[in-house]
Amino acid sequence: MKKFNLCSEGKCCPEVTVENDEVIIVDDDGGKVKLTREQVKILWENLK
């Protein structure tokens, strides 16, 4: 398992957890998004 934060200036600091084939992003208010690695690849391709 790998955990890290996506901190920017200010208080916005989502926590990312990567475990097996799942990526979970939790925002400062506790909102949660679960993505598969395949969905993350699609997201990344669309950000380019």
C-alpha atoms as a PDB file:
ATOM      1  CA  MET A   1       0.000   0.000   0.000  1.00  0.00           C
ATOM      2  CA  LYS A   2       1.181   3.523  -0.795  1.00  0.00           C
ATOM      3  CA  LYS A   3      -0.221   6.741   0.734  1.00  0.00           C
ATOM      4  CA  PHE A   4       0.527  10.357  -0.132  1.00  0.00           C
ATOM      5  CA  ASN A   5      -1.112  13.782  -0.102  1.00  0.00           C
ATOM      6  CA  LEU A   6      -1.880  16.112  -2.999  1.00  0.00           C
ATOM      7  CA  CYS A   7      -1.184  19.336  -1.143  1.00  0.00           C
ATOM      8  CA  SER A   8      -1.399  22.745  -2.723  1.00  0.00           C
ATOM      9  CA  GLU A   9      -1.250  26.163  -1.167  1.00  0.00           C
ATOM     10  CA  GLY A  10      -3.947  26.552   1.436  1.00  0.00           C
ATOM     11  CA  LYS A  11      -5.906  23.839   3.188  1.00  0.00           C
ATOM     12  CA  CYS A  12      -6.815  21.661   0.202  1.00  0.00           C
ATOM     13  CA  CYS A  13      -4.839  18.473   0.816  1.00  0.00           C
ATOM     14  CA  PRO A  14      -6.520  15.298  -0.511  1.00  0.00           C
ATOM     15  CA  GLU A  15      -5.079  11.975   0.625  1.00  0.00           C
ATOM     16  CA  VAL A  16      -4.374   9.295  -1.989  1.00  0.00           C
ATOM     17  CA  THR A  17      -4.142   5.600  -1.140  1.00  0.00           C
ATOM     18  CA  VAL A  18      -2.964   3.099  -3.747  1.00  0.00           C
ATOM     19  CA  GLU A  19      -3.565  -0.545  -2.923  1.00  0.00           C
ATOM     20  CA  ASN A  20      -3.483  -3.373  -5.452  1.00  0.00           C
ATOM     21  CA  ASP A  21      -5.598  -2.206  -8.415  1.00  0.00           C
ATOM     22  CA  GLU A  22      -7.506   0.517  -6.542  1.00  0.00           C
ATOM     23  CA  VAL A  23      -6.751   4.204  -6.077  1.00  0.00           C
ATOM     24  CA  ILE A  24      -8.760   5.982  -3.368  1.00  0.00           C
ATOM     25  CA  ILE A  25      -8.777   9.783  -3.066  1.00  0.00           C
ATOM     26  CA  VAL A  26     -10.270  11.325   0.085  1.00  0.00           C
ATOM     27  CA  ASP A  27     -10.824  15.086   0.246  1.00  0.00           C
ATOM     28  CA  ASP A  28     -10.604  17.345   3.305  1.00  0.00           C
ATOM     29  CA  ASP A  29     -14.330  16.878   3.993  1.00  0.00           C
ATOM     30  CA  GLY A  30     -14.152  13.074   3.890  1.00  0.00           C
ATOM     31  CA  GLY A  31     -15.582  12.706   0.381  1.00  0.00           C
ATOM     32  CA  LYS A  32     -14.165   9.592  -1.277  1.00  0.00           C
ATOM     33  CA  VAL A  33     -13.542   8.575  -4.880  1.00  0.00           C
ATOM     34  CA  LYS A  34     -12.427   5.050  -5.802  1.00  0.00           C
ATOM     35  CA  LEU A  35     -10.773   4.454  -9.163  1.00  0.00           C
ATOM     36  CA  THR A  36      -9.243   1.410 -10.774  1.00  0.00           C
ATOM     37  CA  ARG A  37      -5.755   1.713 -12.244  1.00  0.00           C
ATOM     38  CA  GLU A  38      -7.361   1.546 -15.693  1.00  0.00           C
ATOM     39  CA  GLN A  39      -9.598   4.517 -14.833  1.00  0.00           C
ATOM     40  CA  VAL A  40      -6.543   6.440 -13.609  1.00  0.00           C
ATOM     41  CA  LYS A  41      -4.830   5.771 -16.956  1.00  0.00           C
ATOM     42  CA  ILE A  42      -7.880   7.127 -18.796  1.00  0.00           C
ATOM     43  CA  LEU A  43      -7.911  10.195 -16.531  1.00  0.00           C
ATOM     44  CA  TRP A  44      -4.194  10.797 -17.122  1.00  0.00           C
ATOM     45  CA  GLU A  45      -4.571  10.513 -20.901  1.00  0.00           C
ATOM     46  CA  ASN A  46      -7.362  13.099 -20.860  1.00  0.00           C
ATOM     47  CA  LEU A  47      -5.286  15.529 -18.787  1.00  0.00           C
ATOM     48  CA  LYS A  48      -2.522  15.691 -21.408  1.00  0.00           C
END
